[in-house]
Amino acid sequence: MQVYCTKNHVNSSNNRFCTVCGEPLPLPSGEIIIDRYKIVRQLGQGGYGRTYLAEDMQQSNQFPACIFRYRYSYAIKIFSF
């Protein structure tokens, strides 16, 4: 599967960074981060990274979804709903 950076450079889905410009690539749906969060889809992006809708696999069924911010080298869970 091919993945594109914001400058439309073609990359392999195995890459975390663009092989041409070095930009961080978006996380694919289904990717599991920190052995806990399963990416559902990207919600947006900006100068501070990307924001994703994710499933918290360690939460009960009451609040399985969360907003997840991924900034290049670290991740922050914003809130659950």
N, C-alpha and C. Protein backbone atom coordinates (compact mmCIF):
# COMPACT_ATOMS: atom_id res chain seq x y z
N MET A 1 0.84 -1.18 0.00
CA MET A 1 0.00 0.00 0.00
C MET A 1 0.88 1.25 0.00
N GLN A 2 0.50 2.24 -0.76
CA GLN A 2 1.27 3.48 -0.84
C GLN A 2 0.69 4.54 0.08
N VAL A 3 1.56 5.33 0.68
CA VAL A 3 1.19 6.41 1.56
C VAL A 3 1.82 7.68 1.03
N TYR A 4 1.10 8.81 1.14
CA TYR A 4 1.58 10.08 0.61
C TYR A 4 1.77 11.09 1.74
N CYS A 5 2.86 11.84 1.67
CA CYS A 5 3.05 12.96 2.59
C CYS A 5 2.22 14.14 2.07
N THR A 6 2.26 15.28 2.77
CA THR A 6 1.47 16.44 2.34
C THR A 6 1.99 17.05 1.03
N LYS A 7 3.21 16.68 0.64
CA LYS A 7 3.78 17.17 -0.63
C LYS A 7 3.56 16.16 -1.75
N ASN A 8 2.75 15.12 -1.48
CA ASN A 8 2.38 14.08 -2.45
C ASN A 8 3.55 13.21 -2.91
N HIS A 9 4.56 13.04 -2.08
CA HIS A 9 5.62 12.08 -2.38
C HIS A 9 5.11 10.68 -2.06
N VAL A 10 5.38 9.72 -2.92
CA VAL A 10 4.93 8.34 -2.74
C VAL A 10 5.89 7.61 -1.80
N ASN A 11 5.32 6.90 -0.81
CA ASN A 11 6.10 6.14 0.16
C ASN A 11 5.46 4.79 0.41
N SER A 12 6.24 3.85 0.90
CA SER A 12 5.74 2.55 1.30
C SER A 12 5.01 2.70 2.64
N SER A 13 3.99 1.88 2.86
CA SER A 13 3.25 1.94 4.13
C SER A 13 4.12 1.51 5.32
N ASN A 14 5.26 0.90 5.06
CA ASN A 14 6.18 0.49 6.13
C ASN A 14 6.97 1.67 6.69
N ASN A 15 7.05 2.77 5.95
CA ASN A 15 7.83 3.93 6.36
C ASN A 15 7.07 4.78 7.37
N ARG A 16 7.77 5.36 8.32
CA ARG A 16 7.19 6.32 9.27
C ARG A 16 7.42 7.76 8.79
N PHE A 17 8.45 7.95 7.97
CA PHE A 17 8.79 9.27 7.46
C PHE A 17 8.93 9.21 5.95
N CYS A 18 8.64 10.32 5.27
CA CYS A 18 8.78 10.39 3.82
C CYS A 18 10.25 10.21 3.45
N THR A 19 10.50 9.35 2.47
CA THR A 19 11.88 9.08 2.05
C THR A 19 12.45 10.22 1.21
N VAL A 20 11.61 11.15 0.76
CA VAL A 20 12.08 12.28 -0.05
C VAL A 20 12.32 13.52 0.81
N CYS A 21 11.31 13.91 1.61
CA CYS A 21 11.42 15.16 2.36
C CYS A 21 11.56 14.97 3.88
N GLY A 22 11.37 13.76 4.38
CA GLY A 22 11.54 13.50 5.80
C GLY A 22 10.33 13.80 6.67
N GLU A 23 9.24 14.23 6.07
CA GLU A 23 8.02 14.56 6.82
C GLU A 23 7.42 13.29 7.44
N PRO A 24 6.89 13.36 8.66
CA PRO A 24 6.22 12.20 9.25
C PRO A 24 4.99 11.84 8.41
N LEU A 25 4.79 10.54 8.20
CA LEU A 25 3.66 10.07 7.40
C LEU A 25 2.47 9.79 8.30
N PRO A 26 1.24 9.88 7.76
CA PRO A 26 0.06 9.59 8.57
C PRO A 26 0.03 8.12 9.02
N LEU A 27 -0.59 7.90 10.15
CA LEU A 27 -0.75 6.54 10.67
C LEU A 27 -1.91 5.86 9.93
N PRO A 28 -1.74 4.62 9.51
CA PRO A 28 -2.82 3.94 8.80
C PRO A 28 -3.92 3.47 9.76
N SER A 29 -5.15 3.38 9.26
CA SER A 29 -6.25 2.84 10.04
C SER A 29 -5.91 1.42 10.47
N GLY A 30 -6.24 1.09 11.71
CA GLY A 30 -5.96 -0.24 12.24
C GLY A 30 -4.63 -0.34 12.96
N GLU A 31 -3.76 0.64 12.80
CA GLU A 31 -2.45 0.64 13.49
C GLU A 31 -2.68 0.75 14.99
N ILE A 32 -1.92 -0.01 15.76
CA ILE A 32 -2.03 0.03 17.22
C ILE A 32 -0.82 0.78 17.76
N ILE A 33 -1.10 1.80 18.57
CA ILE A 33 -0.08 2.68 19.12
C ILE A 33 0.02 2.45 20.63
N ILE A 34 1.22 2.40 21.16
CA ILE A 34 1.51 2.26 22.59
C ILE A 34 0.80 1.02 23.16
N ASP A 35 0.63 0.00 22.34
CA ASP A 35 -0.02 -1.25 22.76
C ASP A 35 -1.39 -1.01 23.37
N ARG A 36 -2.07 0.06 22.96
CA ARG A 36 -3.35 0.39 23.59
C ARG A 36 -4.36 1.03 22.64
N TYR A 37 -3.93 1.93 21.78
CA TYR A 37 -4.86 2.71 20.96
C TYR A 37 -4.86 2.20 19.52
N LYS A 38 -6.04 1.87 19.01
CA LYS A 38 -6.18 1.42 17.64
C LYS A 38 -6.74 2.57 16.81
N ILE A 39 -5.97 2.99 15.80
CA ILE A 39 -6.35 4.13 14.97
C ILE A 39 -7.57 3.78 14.14
N VAL A 40 -8.59 4.65 14.21
CA VAL A 40 -9.80 4.49 13.39
C VAL A 40 -9.66 5.31 12.13
N ARG A 41 -9.36 6.62 12.30
CA ARG A 41 -9.13 7.49 11.14
C ARG A 41 -8.50 8.80 11.59
N GLN A 42 -7.91 9.49 10.63
CA GLN A 42 -7.33 10.80 10.90
C GLN A 42 -8.44 11.84 10.90
N LEU A 43 -8.42 12.74 11.89
CA LEU A 43 -9.41 13.81 11.96
C LEU A 43 -8.88 15.11 11.37
N GLY A 44 -7.58 15.36 11.50
CA GLY A 44 -7.01 16.60 10.99
C GLY A 44 -5.51 16.63 11.20
N GLN A 45 -4.89 17.70 10.70
CA GLN A 45 -3.46 17.87 10.89
C GLN A 45 -3.12 19.34 10.87
N GLY A 46 -1.99 19.66 11.47
CA GLY A 46 -1.53 21.04 11.52
C GLY A 46 -0.06 21.09 11.84
N GLY A 47 0.41 22.24 12.26
CA GLY A 47 1.82 22.43 12.55
C GLY A 47 2.34 21.63 13.73
N TYR A 48 1.44 21.15 14.58
CA TYR A 48 1.86 20.41 15.76
C TYR A 48 1.63 18.91 15.64
N GLY A 49 1.31 18.44 14.45
CA GLY A 49 1.13 17.01 14.25
C GLY A 49 -0.26 16.69 13.72
N ARG A 50 -0.71 15.45 13.93
CA ARG A 50 -2.00 14.98 13.43
C ARG A 50 -2.87 14.54 14.60
N THR A 51 -4.18 14.64 14.39
CA THR A 51 -5.16 14.21 15.39
C THR A 51 -5.98 13.08 14.80
N TYR A 52 -6.18 12.03 15.60
CA TYR A 52 -6.86 10.83 15.13
C TYR A 52 -8.01 10.47 16.06
N LEU A 53 -9.01 9.83 15.48
CA LEU A 53 -10.01 9.13 16.27
C LEU A 53 -9.46 7.74 16.49
N ALA A 54 -9.45 7.30 17.75
CA ALA A 54 -8.86 6.00 18.07
C ALA A 54 -9.76 5.25 19.03
N GLU A 55 -9.55 3.95 19.09
CA GLU A 55 -10.25 3.10 20.04
C GLU A 55 -9.29 2.73 21.15
N ASP A 56 -9.68 3.00 22.38
CA ASP A 56 -8.87 2.63 23.54
C ASP A 56 -9.18 1.18 23.86
N MET A 57 -8.27 0.29 23.58
CA MET A 57 -8.52 -1.14 23.70
C MET A 57 -8.50 -1.62 25.15
N GLN A 58 -8.10 -0.76 26.10
CA GLN A 58 -8.09 -1.14 27.51
C GLN A 58 -9.28 -0.58 28.27
N GLN A 59 -10.12 0.20 27.61
CA GLN A 59 -11.32 0.75 28.25
C GLN A 59 -12.47 -0.23 28.14
N SER A 60 -13.44 -0.08 29.03
CA SER A 60 -14.65 -0.89 28.94
C SER A 60 -15.46 -0.43 27.73
N ASN A 61 -16.50 -1.12 27.44
CA ASN A 61 -17.35 -0.77 26.29
C ASN A 61 -18.07 0.56 26.47
N GLN A 62 -18.06 1.11 27.68
CA GLN A 62 -18.75 2.37 27.94
C GLN A 62 -18.10 3.54 27.20
N PHE A 63 -16.78 3.60 27.16
CA PHE A 63 -16.07 4.70 26.50
C PHE A 63 -14.94 4.16 25.63
N PRO A 64 -15.24 3.46 24.55
CA PRO A 64 -14.16 2.85 23.77
C PRO A 64 -13.44 3.82 22.84
N ALA A 65 -14.07 4.95 22.50
CA ALA A 65 -13.45 5.87 21.53
C ALA A 65 -12.73 7.00 22.24
N CYS A 66 -11.67 7.51 21.63
CA CYS A 66 -10.94 8.64 22.19
C CYS A 66 -10.32 9.46 21.06
N ILE A 67 -9.97 10.67 21.40
CA ILE A 67 -9.24 11.54 20.47
C ILE A 67 -7.77 11.43 20.83
N PHE A 68 -6.95 11.28 19.82
CA PHE A 68 -5.55 10.92 20.03
C PHE A 68 -4.70 11.85 19.18
N ARG A 69 -3.78 12.59 19.80
CA ARG A 69 -2.89 13.48 19.06
C ARG A 69 -1.53 12.82 18.95
N TYR A 70 -1.02 12.78 17.73
CA TYR A 70 0.28 12.14 17.47
C TYR A 70 1.20 13.21 16.91
N ARG A 71 2.23 13.52 17.66
CA ARG A 71 3.19 14.54 17.21
C ARG A 71 4.55 13.91 17.03
N TYR A 72 4.82 13.49 15.82
CA TYR A 72 6.13 13.02 15.40
C TYR A 72 6.73 11.93 16.29
N SER A 73 7.16 12.25 17.50
CA SER A 73 7.85 11.26 18.31
C SER A 73 7.09 10.85 19.57
N TYR A 74 5.96 11.47 19.83
CA TYR A 74 5.19 11.08 21.01
C TYR A 74 3.70 11.22 20.74
N ALA A 75 2.90 10.65 21.62
CA ALA A 75 1.45 10.65 21.46
C ALA A 75 0.79 11.11 22.75
N ILE A 76 -0.35 11.78 22.61
CA ILE A 76 -1.10 12.29 23.75
C ILE A 76 -2.56 11.93 23.58
N LYS A 77 -3.16 11.31 24.58
CA LYS A 77 -4.60 11.07 24.57
C LYS A 77 -5.26 12.33 25.09
N ILE A 78 -6.19 12.90 24.31
CA ILE A 78 -6.82 14.15 24.69
C ILE A 78 -8.04 13.90 25.57
N PHE A 79 -9.01 13.11 25.11
CA PHE A 79 -10.16 12.75 25.93
C PHE A 79 -10.89 11.56 25.35
N SER A 80 -11.70 10.93 26.19
CA SER A 80 -12.52 9.80 25.80
C SER A 80 -13.97 10.25 25.69
N PHE A 81 -14.73 9.54 24.88
CA PHE A 81 -16.16 9.81 24.80
C PHE A 81 -16.91 8.55 24.50
